[in-house]
C-alpha atoms as a PDB file:
ATOM      1  CA  MET A   1       0.216   0.173   0.309  1.00  0.00           C
ATOM      2  CA  ARG A   2       1.390   3.537  -1.001  1.00  0.00           C
ATOM      3  CA  LYS A   3       2.401   5.998   1.451  1.00  0.00           C
ATOM      4  CA  ILE A   4       1.081   9.860  -0.233  1.00  0.00           C
ATOM      5  CA  ILE A   5       1.306  13.138   1.563  1.00  0.00           C
ATOM      6  CA  HIS A   6      -0.153  16.231   0.165  1.00  0.00           C
ATOM      7  CA  VAL A   7       1.383  19.524   1.304  1.00  0.00           C
ATOM      8  CA  ASP A   8      -0.400  22.953   0.752  1.00  0.00           C
ATOM      9  CA  MET A   9       1.648  25.897   1.912  1.00  0.00           C
ATOM     10  CA  ASP A  10      -0.843  28.206   4.173  1.00  0.00           C
ATOM     11  CA  SER A  11      -1.672  31.232   2.157  1.00  0.00           C
ATOM     12  CA  PHE A  12       1.592  30.992   0.321  1.00  0.00           C
ATOM     13  CA  PHE A  13       2.078  34.558  -1.296  1.00  0.00           C
ATOM     14  CA  ALA A  14       0.307  36.587   1.269  1.00  0.00           C
ATOM     15  CA  SER A  15       2.821  34.679   4.019  1.00  0.00           C
ATOM     16  CA  ILE A  16       5.582  35.652   2.086  1.00  0.00           C
ATOM     17  CA  GLU A  17       4.822  39.164   2.051  1.00  0.00           C
ATOM     18  CA  GLN A  18       4.087  39.217   5.923  1.00  0.00           C
ATOM     19  CA  ARG A  19       7.371  37.718   6.384  1.00  0.00           C
ATOM     20  CA  ASP A  20       9.443  39.779   4.240  1.00  0.00           C
ATOM     21  CA  PHE A  21       7.583  42.688   5.860  1.00  0.00           C
ATOM     22  CA  PRO A  22       7.213  42.628   9.490  1.00  0.00           C
ATOM     23  CA  GLU A  23       4.717  45.605   9.298  1.00  0.00           C
ATOM     24  CA  TYR A  24       1.702  43.400   7.119  1.00  0.00           C
ATOM     25  CA  ARG A  25       2.116  40.754  10.169  1.00  0.00           C
ATOM     26  CA  GLY A  26      -1.270  40.484  11.818  1.00  0.00           C
ATOM     27  CA  LYS A  27      -3.220  42.520   9.462  1.00  0.00           C
ATOM     28  CA  ALA A  28      -5.648  41.779   6.820  1.00  0.00           C
ATOM     29  CA  LEU A  29      -3.610  41.793   3.106  1.00  0.00           C
ATOM     30  CA  VAL A  30      -3.944  40.538  -0.042  1.00  0.00           C
ATOM     31  CA  VAL A  31      -2.041  40.166  -2.768  1.00  0.00           C
ATOM     32  CA  GLY A  32      -3.120  41.511  -6.220  1.00  0.00           C
ATOM     33  CA  GLY A  33      -3.151  44.894  -8.452  1.00  0.00           C
ATOM     34  CA  ASN A  34      -5.071  47.954  -7.967  1.00  0.00           C
ATOM     35  CA  SER A  35      -6.589  48.304 -11.093  1.00  0.00           C
ATOM     36  CA  SER A  36     -10.619  48.812 -11.179  1.00  0.00           C
ATOM     37  CA  ARG A  37     -10.712  44.981 -12.760  1.00  0.00           C
ATOM     38  CA  ALA A  38      -8.117  43.750 -10.258  1.00  0.00           C
ATOM     39  CA  VAL A  39      -8.884  40.517  -8.350  1.00  0.00           C
ATOM     40  CA  VAL A  40      -7.295  39.409  -5.239  1.00  0.00           C
ATOM     41  CA  ALA A  41      -4.237  36.572  -5.923  1.00  0.00           C
ATOM     42  CA  ALA A  42      -3.868  35.912  -2.240  1.00  0.00           C
ATOM     43  CA  ALA A  43      -5.756  36.411   1.027  1.00  0.00           C
ATOM     44  CA  SER A  44      -3.785  35.885   4.348  1.00  0.00           C
ATOM     45  CA  TYR A  45      -5.732  34.652   7.219  1.00  0.00           C
ATOM     46  CA  GLU A  46      -6.859  38.227   8.920  1.00  0.00           C
ATOM     47  CA  ALA A  47      -8.045  38.805   5.250  1.00  0.00           C
ATOM     48  CA  ARG A  48     -10.207  35.719   5.249  1.00  0.00           C
ATOM     49  CA  LYS A  49     -11.980  36.423   8.444  1.00  0.00           C
ATOM     50  CA  TYR A  50     -13.571  39.356   6.597  1.00  0.00           C
ATOM     51  CA  GLY A  51     -14.876  36.792   4.089  1.00  0.00           C
ATOM     52  CA  ILE A  52     -11.929  37.440   1.186  1.00  0.00           C
ATOM     53  CA  HIS A  53     -10.445  34.837  -0.790  1.00  0.00           C
ATOM     54  CA  SER A  54      -8.304  34.457  -3.965  1.00  0.00           C
ATOM     55  CA  ALA A  55     -10.583  35.479  -7.120  1.00  0.00           C
ATOM     56  CA  MET A  56     -12.708  37.853  -5.465  1.00  0.00           C
ATOM     57  CA  PRO A  57     -12.437  40.987  -7.282  1.00  0.00           C
ATOM     58  CA  MET A  58     -10.977  43.535  -5.347  1.00  0.00           C
ATOM     59  CA  ALA A  59     -13.316  46.552  -5.285  1.00  0.00           C
ATOM     60  CA  ARG A  60     -15.572  43.847  -3.199  1.00  0.00           C
ATOM     61  CA  ALA A  61     -12.275  43.117  -1.085  1.00  0.00           C
ATOM     62  CA  LEU A  62     -11.969  46.428  -0.165  1.00  0.00           C
ATOM     63  CA  ASN A  63     -15.744  47.023   0.752  1.00  0.00           C
ATOM     64  CA  LEU A  64     -15.609  44.327   3.215  1.00  0.00           C
ATOM     65  CA  CYS A  65     -12.526  45.335   4.386  1.00  0.00           C
ATOM     66  CA  PRO A  66     -11.894  49.272   4.186  1.00  0.00           C
ATOM     67  CA  HIS A  67      -8.427  49.358   5.555  1.00  0.00           C
ATOM     68  CA  LEU A  68      -7.324  46.104   3.714  1.00  0.00           C
ATOM     69  CA  ILE A  69      -3.531  46.339   3.011  1.00  0.00           C
ATOM     70  CA  VAL A  70      -3.154  45.467  -0.716  1.00  0.00           C
ATOM     71  CA  THR A  71       0.418  44.820  -1.942  1.00  0.00           C
ATOM     72  CA  PRO A  72       1.559  44.136  -5.644  1.00  0.00           C
ATOM     73  CA  HIS A  73       2.911  40.470  -6.160  1.00  0.00           C
ATOM     74  CA  ARG A  74       6.371  39.238  -6.564  1.00  0.00           C
ATOM     75  CA  PHE A  75       6.025  35.855  -8.649  1.00  0.00           C
ATOM     76  CA  ASN A  76       9.586  35.950  -9.224  1.00  0.00           C
ATOM     77  CA  VAL A  77       9.837  35.532  -5.117  1.00  0.00           C
ATOM     78  CA  TYR A  78       7.488  33.244  -4.577  1.00  0.00           C
ATOM     79  CA  ALA A  79       8.792  31.050  -7.379  1.00  0.00           C
ATOM     80  CA  GLU A  80      12.080  31.390  -6.138  1.00  0.00           C
ATOM     81  CA  VAL A  81      10.707  30.419  -2.338  1.00  0.00           C
ATOM     82  CA  SER A  82       8.506  27.525  -3.996  1.00  0.00           C
ATOM     83  CA  ALA A  83      12.053  26.001  -5.953  1.00  0.00           C
ATOM     84  CA  SER A  84      13.594  25.831  -2.308  1.00  0.00           C
ATOM     85  CA  ILE A  85      10.704  23.881  -0.596  1.00  0.00           C
ATOM     86  CA  GLN A  86      10.369  21.702  -3.821  1.00  0.00           C
ATOM     87  CA  GLN A  87      14.387  21.197  -2.842  1.00  0.00           C
ATOM     88  CA  ILE A  88      13.171  19.921   0.668  1.00  0.00           C
ATOM     89  CA  PHE A  89      10.493  17.191  -0.842  1.00  0.00           C
ATOM     90  CA  HIS A  90      13.277  15.864  -3.143  1.00  0.00           C
ATOM     91  CA  GLU A  91      15.569  14.890   0.002  1.00  0.00           C
ATOM     92  CA  TYR A  92      13.123  12.562   1.029  1.00  0.00           C
ATOM     93  CA  THR A  93      11.583  11.616  -2.385  1.00  0.00           C
ATOM     94  CA  ASP A  94      11.874  11.450  -6.068  1.00  0.00           C
ATOM     95  CA  LEU A  95       8.305  11.109  -6.515  1.00  0.00           C
ATOM     96  CA  VAL A  96       7.493  14.689  -6.211  1.00  0.00           C
ATOM     97  CA  GLU A  97       4.478  15.969  -8.098  1.00  0.00           C
ATOM     98  CA  PRO A  98       4.192  19.545  -7.847  1.00  0.00           C
ATOM     99  CA  LEU A  99       0.265  21.105  -8.413  1.00  0.00           C
ATOM    100  CA  SER A 100       1.277  24.603  -8.386  1.00  0.00           C
ATOM    101  CA  LEU A 101       3.906  26.805  -6.808  1.00  0.00           C
ATOM    102  CA  ASP A 102       2.318  26.055  -3.006  1.00  0.00           C
ATOM    103  CA  GLU A 103       1.517  22.524  -3.161  1.00  0.00           C
ATOM    104  CA  ALA A 104       2.744  18.944  -4.450  1.00  0.00           C
ATOM    105  CA  TYR A 105       2.293  15.465  -3.851  1.00  0.00           C
ATOM    106  CA  LEU A 106       4.681  12.863  -2.400  1.00  0.00           C
ATOM    107  CA  ASP A 107       5.058   9.500  -2.372  1.00  0.00           C
ATOM    108  CA  VAL A 108       6.904   8.092   0.416  1.00  0.00           C
ATOM    109  CA  THR A 109       6.257   4.509  -0.040  1.00  0.00           C
ATOM    110  CA  GLU A 110      10.208   4.105   0.302  1.00  0.00           C
ATOM    111  CA  PRO A 111      11.705   7.323   1.105  1.00  0.00           C
ATOM    112  CA  GLN A 112      15.478   8.114   0.699  1.00  0.00           C
ATOM    113  CA  LYS A 113      15.852   9.650   4.058  1.00  0.00           C
ATOM    114  CA  GLY A 114      14.492   9.641   7.278  1.00  0.00           C
ATOM    115  CA  PRO A 115      12.091   7.539   9.051  1.00  0.00           C
ATOM    116  CA  PRO A 116       9.581   4.616   7.484  1.00  0.00           C
ATOM    117  CA  SER A 117       6.385   6.458   8.892  1.00  0.00           C
ATOM    118  CA  ALA A 118       4.863   8.805   6.330  1.00  0.00           C
ATOM    119  CA  SER A 119       3.113  10.951   9.388  1.00  0.00           C
ATOM    120  CA  LEU A 120       6.877  11.457  10.963  1.00  0.00           C
ATOM    121  CA  ILE A 121       8.484  12.522   7.425  1.00  0.00           C
ATOM    122  CA  ALA A 122       5.245  15.045   6.614  1.00  0.00           C
ATOM    123  CA  LYS A 123       6.012  16.785  10.210  1.00  0.00           C
ATOM    124  CA  GLU A 124      10.037  16.703   9.497  1.00  0.00           C
ATOM    125  CA  ILE A 125       9.067  18.736   5.859  1.00  0.00           C
ATOM    126  CA  LYS A 126       6.759  20.859   7.556  1.00  0.00           C
ATOM    127  CA  LYS A 127       9.433  22.007  10.380  1.00  0.00           C
ATOM    128  CA  GLU A 128      12.351  21.762   7.512  1.00  0.00           C
ATOM    129  CA  ILE A 129      10.052  24.256   5.507  1.00  0.00           C
ATOM    130  CA  TRP A 130       9.938  26.291   8.668  1.00  0.00           C
ATOM    131  CA  LYS A 131      12.993  26.036   9.788  1.00  0.00           C
ATOM    132  CA  ARG A 132      14.537  27.283   6.010  1.00  0.00           C
ATOM    133  CA  GLU A 133      11.613  29.583   4.791  1.00  0.00           C
ATOM    134  CA  ASN A 134      10.158  30.512   7.729  1.00  0.00           C
ATOM    135  CA  LEU A 135       6.969  29.989   6.664  1.00  0.00           C
ATOM    136  CA  ILE A 136       4.046  27.134   7.392  1.00  0.00           C
ATOM    137  CA  ALA A 137       2.857  24.238   5.651  1.00  0.00           C
ATOM    138  CA  SER A 138      -0.463  21.862   6.201  1.00  0.00           C
ATOM    139  CA  ALA A 139      -0.052  18.156   5.390  1.00  0.00           C
ATOM    140  CA  GLY A 140      -2.275  15.534   5.153  1.00  0.00           C
ATOM    141  CA  VAL A 141      -1.257  11.549   4.657  1.00  0.00           C
ATOM    142  CA  SER A 142      -2.871   8.690   3.379  1.00  0.00           C
ATOM    143  CA  TYR A 143      -2.958   5.665   0.931  1.00  0.00           C
ATOM    144  CA  ASN A 144      -3.680   7.483  -2.098  1.00  0.00           C
ATOM    145  CA  LYS A 145      -3.938  11.100  -3.343  1.00  0.00           C
ATOM    146  CA  PHE A 146      -7.625  11.639  -3.014  1.00  0.00           C
ATOM    147  CA  LEU A 147      -7.613  11.147   0.748  1.00  0.00           C
ATOM    148  CA  ALA A 148      -4.158  12.809   1.048  1.00  0.00           C
ATOM    149  CA  LYS A 149      -5.720  16.104  -0.321  1.00  0.00           C
ATOM    150  CA  ILE A 150      -8.657  16.354   1.757  1.00  0.00           C
ATOM    151  CA  ALA A 151      -6.227  15.596   4.920  1.00  0.00           C
ATOM    152  CA  SER A 152      -4.201  18.795   4.226  1.00  0.00           C
ATOM    153  CA  ASP A 153      -7.442  20.904   4.259  1.00  0.00           C
ATOM    154  CA  MET A 154      -8.944  19.097   7.845  1.00  0.00           C
ATOM    155  CA  ASP A 155      -6.818  21.304   9.962  1.00  0.00           C
ATOM    156  CA  LYS A 156      -5.301  24.341   8.606  1.00  0.00           C
ATOM    157  CA  PRO A 157      -3.661  26.155   9.184  1.00  0.00           C
ATOM    158  CA  ASP A 158       0.014  24.702   9.899  1.00  0.00           C
ATOM    159  CA  GLY A 159      -2.430  21.726  10.210  1.00  0.00           C
ATOM    160  CA  PHE A 160      -1.312  17.642  10.063  1.00  0.00           C
ATOM    161  CA  TYR A 161      -4.095  15.479   9.430  1.00  0.00           C
ATOM    162  CA  LEU A 162      -3.712  11.322   8.877  1.00  0.00           C
ATOM    163  CA  ILE A 163      -6.586   9.249   7.340  1.00  0.00           C
ATOM    164  CA  LYS A 164      -5.487   5.359   7.880  1.00  0.00           C
ATOM    165  CA  PRO A 165      -7.060   2.713   5.641  1.00  0.00           C
ATOM    166  CA  GLU A 166      -8.807   1.341   8.466  1.00  0.00           C
ATOM    167  CA  ASP A 167     -10.716   4.485   8.887  1.00  0.00           C
ATOM    168  CA  ALA A 168     -11.037   5.786   5.672  1.00  0.00           C
ATOM    169  CA  GLU A 169     -14.454   4.047   5.360  1.00  0.00           C
ATOM    170  CA  SER A 170     -16.130   5.781   8.372  1.00  0.00           C
ATOM    171  CA  PHE A 171     -14.275   8.814   7.532  1.00  0.00           C
ATOM    172  CA  LEU A 172     -15.691   9.684   3.822  1.00  0.00           C
ATOM    173  CA  GLU A 173     -18.931   8.431   4.546  1.00  0.00           C
ATOM    174  CA  ALA A 174     -19.516  11.116   7.516  1.00  0.00           C
ATOM    175  CA  LEU A 175     -17.455  14.133   5.252  1.00  0.00           C
ATOM    176  CA  GLU A 176     -19.987  16.952   4.251  1.00  0.00           C
ATOM    177  CA  ILE A 177     -20.577  16.458   0.320  1.00  0.00           C
ATOM    178  CA  GLY A 178     -19.026  19.972  -0.602  1.00  0.00           C
ATOM    179  CA  LEU A 179     -15.733  19.124   0.931  1.00  0.00           C
ATOM    180  CA  PHE A 180     -14.885  16.437  -1.484  1.00  0.00           C
ATOM    181  CA  PHE A 181     -11.944  17.411  -4.019  1.00  0.00           C
ATOM    182  CA  GLY A 182     -13.914  17.707  -7.194  1.00  0.00           C
ATOM    183  CA  VAL A 183     -16.858  18.831  -5.969  1.00  0.00           C
ATOM    184  CA  GLY A 184     -17.224  22.467  -6.768  1.00  0.00           C
ATOM    185  CA  LYS A 185     -20.004  24.687  -5.980  1.00  0.00           C
ATOM    186  CA  LYS A 186     -22.650  24.139  -8.283  1.00  0.00           C
ATOM    187  CA  THR A 187     -21.975  20.241  -8.357  1.00  0.00           C
ATOM    188  CA  GLU A 188     -22.663  20.658  -4.538  1.00  0.00           C
ATOM    189  CA  GLU A 189     -26.016  22.392  -5.496  1.00  0.00           C
ATOM    190  CA  LYS A 190     -27.081  19.736  -7.990  1.00  0.00           C
ATOM    191  CA  MET A 191     -26.254  16.893  -5.278  1.00  0.00           C
ATOM    192  CA  HIS A 192     -28.073  18.703  -2.684  1.00  0.00           C
ATOM    193  CA  HIS A 193     -31.144  18.723  -4.980  1.00  0.00           C
ATOM    194  CA  LEU A 194     -30.524  14.791  -5.250  1.00  0.00           C
ATOM    195  CA  GLY A 195     -30.472  14.678  -1.367  1.00  0.00           C
ATOM    196  CA  ILE A 196     -26.676  13.919  -1.447  1.00  0.00           C
ATOM    197  CA  TYR A 197     -25.495  15.931   1.445  1.00  0.00           C
ATOM    198  CA  LYS A 198     -22.646  13.653   2.884  1.00  0.00           C
ATOM    199  CA  GLY A 199     -20.470  10.623   1.579  1.00  0.00           C
ATOM    200  CA  LYS A 200     -23.003   8.253   2.632  1.00  0.00           C
ATOM    201  CA  ASP A 201     -25.476   9.779   0.503  1.00  0.00           C
ATOM    202  CA  LEU A 202     -23.219   9.617  -2.052  1.00  0.00           C
ATOM    203  CA  LYS A 203     -22.225   5.911  -1.453  1.00  0.00           C
ATOM    204  CA  ARG A 204     -25.736   5.066  -2.174  1.00  0.00           C
ATOM    205  CA  LEU A 205     -26.143   5.774  -5.731  1.00  0.00           C
ATOM    206  CA  SER A 206     -25.245   2.943  -7.863  1.00  0.00           C
ATOM    207  CA  GLN A 207     -21.956   3.928 -10.535  1.00  0.00           C
ATOM    208  CA  HIS A 208     -25.136   3.941 -13.554  1.00  0.00           C
ATOM    209  CA  GLU A 209     -26.925   6.440 -11.703  1.00  0.00           C
ATOM    210  CA  LEU A 210     -23.771   8.480 -11.002  1.00  0.00           C
ATOM    211  CA  ILE A 211     -22.940   8.530 -14.619  1.00  0.00           C
ATOM    212  CA  ARG A 212     -26.645   9.569 -15.830  1.00  0.00           C
ATOM    213  CA  HIS A 213     -26.475  12.140 -13.652  1.00  0.00           C
ATOM    214  CA  PHE A 214     -22.950  13.331 -13.376  1.00  0.00           C
ATOM    215  CA  GLY A 215     -21.441  12.103 -16.699  1.00  0.00           C
ATOM    216  CA  LYS A 216     -18.257  10.545 -16.911  1.00  0.00           C
ATOM    217  CA  VAL A 217     -17.102  11.700 -13.615  1.00  0.00           C
ATOM    218  CA  GLY A 218     -19.596  10.013 -11.952  1.00  0.00           C
ATOM    219  CA  ARG A 219     -17.628   6.831 -11.887  1.00  0.00           C
ATOM    220  CA  TYR A 220     -14.968   9.112 -10.132  1.00  0.00           C
ATOM    221  CA  TYR A 221     -17.257   9.688  -7.196  1.00  0.00           C
ATOM    222  CA  TYR A 222     -18.293   6.172  -7.133  1.00  0.00           C
ATOM    223  CA  ASP A 223     -14.529   5.492  -6.532  1.00  0.00           C
ATOM    224  CA  VAL A 224     -13.550   8.070  -4.322  1.00  0.00           C
ATOM    225  CA  VAL A 225     -16.462   7.942  -2.146  1.00  0.00           C
ATOM    226  CA  ARG A 226     -14.832   4.139  -1.111  1.00  0.00           C
ATOM    227  CA  GLY A 227     -11.466   5.164  -0.938  1.00  0.00           C
ATOM    228  CA  ILE A 228     -10.706   4.385  -4.010  1.00  0.00           C
ATOM    229  CA  ASP A 229      -8.190   6.219  -6.312  1.00  0.00           C
ATOM    230  CA  GLU A 230      -5.144   4.565  -8.202  1.00  0.00           C
ATOM    231  CA  ARG A 231      -3.756   7.667  -9.491  1.00  0.00           C
ATOM    232  CA  PRO A 232       0.418   7.724  -9.204  1.00  0.00           C
ATOM    233  CA  VAL A 233       2.225  10.484  -7.932  1.00  0.00           C
ATOM    234  CA  ILE A 234       3.442  11.978 -11.697  1.00  0.00           C
ATOM    235  CA  THR A 235       6.542  13.410 -11.459  1.00  0.00           C
ATOM    236  CA  SER A 236       7.579  15.711 -14.000  1.00  0.00           C
ATOM    237  CA  ARG A 237       9.916  14.267 -16.978  1.00  0.00           C
ATOM    238  CA  ASP A 238      13.080  15.030 -15.979  1.00  0.00           C
ATOM    239  CA  ARG A 239      14.397  17.300 -13.178  1.00  0.00           C
ATOM    240  CA  LYS A 240      15.995  20.785 -14.250  1.00  0.00           C
ATOM    241  CA  SER A 241      18.013  21.290 -11.121  1.00  0.00           C
ATOM    242  CA  ILE A 242      19.949  19.602  -8.728  1.00  0.00           C
ATOM    243  CA  GLY A 243      20.751  20.908  -5.247  1.00  0.00           C
ATOM    244  CA  ALA A 244      21.135  21.244  -1.269  1.00  0.00           C
ATOM    245  CA  GLU A 245      20.589  24.061   1.007  1.00  0.00           C
ATOM    246  CA  ARG A 246      20.815  24.371   4.991  1.00  0.00           C
ATOM    247  CA  THR A 247      19.430  26.712   7.342  1.00  0.00           C
ATOM    248  CA  TYR A 248      21.657  27.579  10.727  1.00  0.00           C
ATOM    249  CA  GLN A 249      19.814  27.898  13.988  1.00  0.00           C
ATOM    250  CA  THR A 250      22.571  30.842  14.947  1.00  0.00           C
ATOM    251  CA  ASP A 251      23.391  33.493  12.327  1.00  0.00           C
ATOM    252  CA  ILE A 252      27.218  33.321  10.657  1.00  0.00           C
ATOM    253  CA  PHE A 253      29.248  36.034  10.610  1.00  0.00           C
ATOM    254  CA  ASP A 254      32.604  34.521  10.403  1.00  0.00           C
ATOM    255  CA  LEU A 255      33.840  34.109   6.838  1.00  0.00           C
ATOM    256  CA  ASP A 256      35.950  31.080   7.279  1.00  0.00           C
ATOM    257  CA  GLU A 257      33.073  29.055   8.906  1.00  0.00           C
ATOM    258  CA  VAL A 258      30.764  30.156   6.266  1.00  0.00           C
ATOM    259  CA  ARG A 259      33.040  28.654   3.608  1.00  0.00           C
ATOM    260  CA  GLU A 260      33.122  25.292   5.766  1.00  0.00           C
ATOM    261  CA  LYS A 261      29.574  25.312   5.967  1.00  0.00           C
ATOM    262  CA  LEU A 262      29.297  26.076   2.334  1.00  0.00           C
ATOM    263  CA  PHE A 263      31.652  22.946   1.499  1.00  0.00           C
ATOM    264  CA  GLU A 264      29.527  20.762   3.287  1.00  0.00           C
ATOM    265  CA  VAL A 265      26.414  22.165   1.140  1.00  0.00           C
ATOM    266  CA  ILE A 266      28.370  21.409  -1.880  1.00  0.00           C
ATOM    267  CA  ASP A 267      29.360  17.979  -0.787  1.00  0.00           C
ATOM    268  CA  ILE A 268      25.689  17.312  -0.482  1.00  0.00           C
ATOM    269  CA  MET A 269      24.862  18.645  -3.913  1.00  0.00           C
ATOM    270  CA  TRP A 270      27.439  16.663  -5.612  1.00  0.00           C
ATOM    271  CA  LYS A 271      26.651  13.480  -3.816  1.00  0.00           C
ATOM    272  CA  ARG A 272      23.160  13.972  -5.613  1.00  0.00           C
ATOM    273  CA  SER A 273      24.319  14.660  -8.811  1.00  0.00           C
ATOM    274  CA  GLU A 274      26.316  11.795  -8.751  1.00  0.00           C
ATOM    275  CA  ALA A 275      23.344   9.546  -7.510  1.00  0.00           C
ATOM    276  CA  LYS A 276      21.356  10.817 -10.531  1.00  0.00           C
ATOM    277  CA  LYS A 277      24.028  10.653 -13.120  1.00  0.00           C
ATOM    278  CA  LYS A 278      23.833  13.908 -13.710  1.00  0.00           C
ATOM    279  CA  GLN A 279      26.576  17.138 -14.264  1.00  0.00           C
ATOM    280  CA  GLY A 280      25.471  20.298 -15.323  1.00  0.00           C
ATOM    281  CA  LYS A 281      27.495  23.589 -16.780  1.00  0.00           C
ATOM    282  CA  THR A 282      25.838  25.887 -14.650  1.00  0.00           C
ATOM    283  CA  ILE A 283      26.117  26.317 -10.830  1.00  0.00           C
ATOM    284  CA  THR A 284      24.572  28.855  -8.551  1.00  0.00           C
ATOM    285  CA  LEU A 285      24.813  29.888  -5.164  1.00  0.00           C
ATOM    286  CA  LYS A 286      22.107  31.240  -2.626  1.00  0.00           C
ATOM    287  CA  VAL A 287      22.534  33.190   0.397  1.00  0.00           C
ATOM    288  CA  ARG A 288      19.982  33.968   2.833  1.00  0.00           C
ATOM    289  CA  TYR A 289      21.090  36.859   5.389  1.00  0.00           C
ATOM    290  CA  SER A 290      20.133  37.211   8.983  1.00  0.00           C
ATOM    291  CA  ASP A 291      17.355  40.121   7.718  1.00  0.00           C
ATOM    292  CA  PHE A 292      15.744  37.268   5.443  1.00  0.00           C
ATOM    293  CA  THR A 293      16.874  39.351   2.272  1.00  0.00           C
ATOM    294  CA  THR A 294      18.235  36.364  -0.434  1.00  0.00           C
ATOM    295  CA  ILE A 295      20.595  36.671  -3.020  1.00  0.00           C
ATOM    296  CA  THR A 296      21.697  34.155  -5.680  1.00  0.00           C
ATOM    297  CA  ARG A 297      24.572  34.042  -8.185  1.00  0.00           C
ATOM    298  CA  SER A 298      25.180  32.009 -10.775  1.00  0.00           C
ATOM    299  CA  HIS A 299      28.402  30.869 -13.189  1.00  0.00           C
ATOM    300  CA  THR A 300      28.158  29.014 -16.304  1.00  0.00           C
ATOM    301  CA  GLN A 301      31.150  27.178 -18.399  1.00  0.00           C
ATOM    302  CA  GLY A 302      31.644  25.741 -21.456  1.00  0.00           C
ATOM    303  CA  HIS A 303      31.623  22.180 -20.097  1.00  0.00           C
ATOM    304  CA  PRO A 304      29.954  20.412 -16.780  1.00  0.00           C
ATOM    305  CA  TYR A 305      31.577  20.971 -13.921  1.00  0.00           C
ATOM    306  CA  THR A 306      33.938  18.491 -12.099  1.00  0.00           C
ATOM    307  CA  ARG A 307      33.739  18.860  -7.911  1.00  0.00           C
ATOM    308  CA  ALA A 308      36.721  20.813  -7.949  1.00  0.00           C
ATOM    309  CA  GLU A 309      35.417  23.387 -10.033  1.00  0.00           C
ATOM    310  CA  ALA A 310      32.351  23.390  -8.544  1.00  0.00           C
ATOM    311  CA  ILE A 311      34.092  24.000  -4.998  1.00  0.00           C
ATOM    312  CA  LYS A 312      36.324  26.900  -6.378  1.00  0.00           C
ATOM    313  CA  THR A 313      33.681  28.873  -8.201  1.00  0.00           C
ATOM    314  CA  LEU A 314      31.232  28.347  -5.295  1.00  0.00           C
ATOM    315  CA  MET A 315      33.219  29.656  -2.648  1.00  0.00           C
ATOM    316  CA  ASP A 316      34.572  32.383  -5.129  1.00  0.00           C
ATOM    317  CA  LEU A 317      30.917  33.854  -5.712  1.00  0.00           C
ATOM    318  CA  LEU A 318      30.771  34.369  -1.728  1.00  0.00           C
ATOM    319  CA  PRO A 319      29.997  37.970  -0.650  1.00  0.00           C
ATOM    320  CA  ALA A 320      32.512  38.464   1.625  1.00  0.00           C
ATOM    321  CA  GLU A 321      32.068  41.533   3.078  1.00  0.00           C
ATOM    322  CA  GLU A 322      27.890  41.484   3.343  1.00  0.00           C
ATOM    323  CA  ILE A 323      28.570  37.895   5.202  1.00  0.00           C
ATOM    324  CA  GLN A 324      30.516  39.611   7.910  1.00  0.00           C
ATOM    325  CA  SER A 325      27.900  42.545   7.828  1.00  0.00           C
ATOM    326  CA  LYS A 326      25.015  41.023   8.180  1.00  0.00           C
ATOM    327  CA  GLY A 327      25.021  37.523   8.796  1.00  0.00           C
ATOM    328  CA  VAL A 328      24.095  33.909   6.948  1.00  0.00           C
ATOM    329  CA  ARG A 329      21.276  32.215   8.004  1.00  0.00           C
ATOM    330  CA  LEU A 330      20.797  29.759   4.885  1.00  0.00           C
ATOM    331  CA  LEU A 331      23.189  28.511   2.093  1.00  0.00           C
ATOM    332  CA  GLY A 332      22.531  26.637  -0.840  1.00  0.00           C
ATOM    333  CA  ALA A 333      23.909  25.490  -3.990  1.00  0.00           C
ATOM    334  CA  THR A 334      22.495  24.161  -7.425  1.00  0.00           C
ATOM    335  CA  MET A 335      23.469  22.372 -10.364  1.00  0.00           C
ATOM    336  CA  THR A 336      21.482  23.369 -13.877  1.00  0.00           C
ATOM    337  CA  ASN A 337      22.055  23.130 -17.254  1.00  0.00           C
ATOM    338  CA  PHE A 338      22.947  19.292 -17.378  1.00  0.00           C
ATOM    339  CA  LEU A 339      24.224  17.089 -20.204  1.00  0.00           C
ATOM    340  CA  SER A 340      21.800  15.075 -22.072  1.00  0.00           C
ATOM    341  CA  GLU A 341      20.288  12.359 -19.934  1.00  0.00           C
ATOM    342  CA  ASN A 342      21.879   8.581 -19.663  1.00  0.00           C
ATOM    343  CA  ARG A 343      25.169   9.884 -20.871  1.00  0.00           C
ATOM    344  CA  ASP A 344      28.122   9.094 -18.170  1.00  0.00           C
ATOM    345  CA  LEU A 345      29.552  11.593 -16.011  1.00  0.00           C
ATOM    346  CA  PRO A 346      33.380  12.254 -17.081  1.00  0.00           C
ATOM    347  CA  LYS A 347      36.238  10.592 -15.122  1.00  0.00           C
ATOM    348  CA  GLN A 348      37.925  12.863 -12.587  1.00  0.00           C
ATOM    349  CA  LEU A 349      40.961  13.008 -10.201  1.00  0.00           C
ATOM    350  CA  LYS A 350      39.693  12.717  -6.588  1.00  0.00           C
ATOM    351  CA  ILE A 351      40.941  15.690  -4.502  1.00  0.00           C
ATOM    352  CA  ASP A 352      41.436  15.468  -0.959  1.00  0.00           C
ATOM    353  CA  PHE A 353      40.391  19.110   0.484  1.00  0.00           C
END
């Protein structure tokens, strides 16, 4: 039986804005434009208390909450944070299916590291996201994607919910029909008209009846209310990057210590690239300072990096003056621009450092 985790970042865009700008914390905030036709891209939990939600017209949101803070989106920042979180996922499994910048499925039936328990892995991932990005996530765990997705919504924000195989039947029978993934507002209204309010009501209808009322999706409803979902976690065809990051409990101001820590990060990155039989021509250094500002520096060369070249280049990219004045919270190293798949890595001399 599979072990599936669904991770969903809580109010992702808005939470990043509140993280990066302390004056926004604890206040009703939305991410979006200021034009008359703008819509809400994301709403903080404080804004949601006023009934504001994503995709709502901005004018409506401002009517509901006149003191609402409206901040423009920074999609480049959100994408960078998302990539960092994806890196955490890949430390536990290669079977990662991103659904968007802020959510993904993970199959941890055979994890690469950590405990064999999917619940413990989910909790570790939540802790790592908080440690590295100072953001909260909710996680749902079960034996298929449908149940894991529902579980992640059960205890937001900062939630964790487990649906065991032996509990799935009673859980689904008691679940409000509007909480079934794939049941939108219009479908919910139609189901109510048919006397379907909970899973137990849906379960009374035969597959033939469900198909008659809802078309082909009726088969889906018939299966999922019985806890059946055979969809695999679909990974991207090819990973575009391999890297490693580490967040430190205390900020580091000493340049020599930073170099030692970076060496450890590079070593992890290199071992992962060797395990995947990949070598790239571009490497990127990531440094996050104690104030949460983040810089990245990249270098590309005409041939794939050897381990020695990667170490030297990444060390040279370190911003010495800024490190000593600001202090380092996180270090990361990433390799991209890979050679074609299935080519052997070139042989190289082993060098001791």
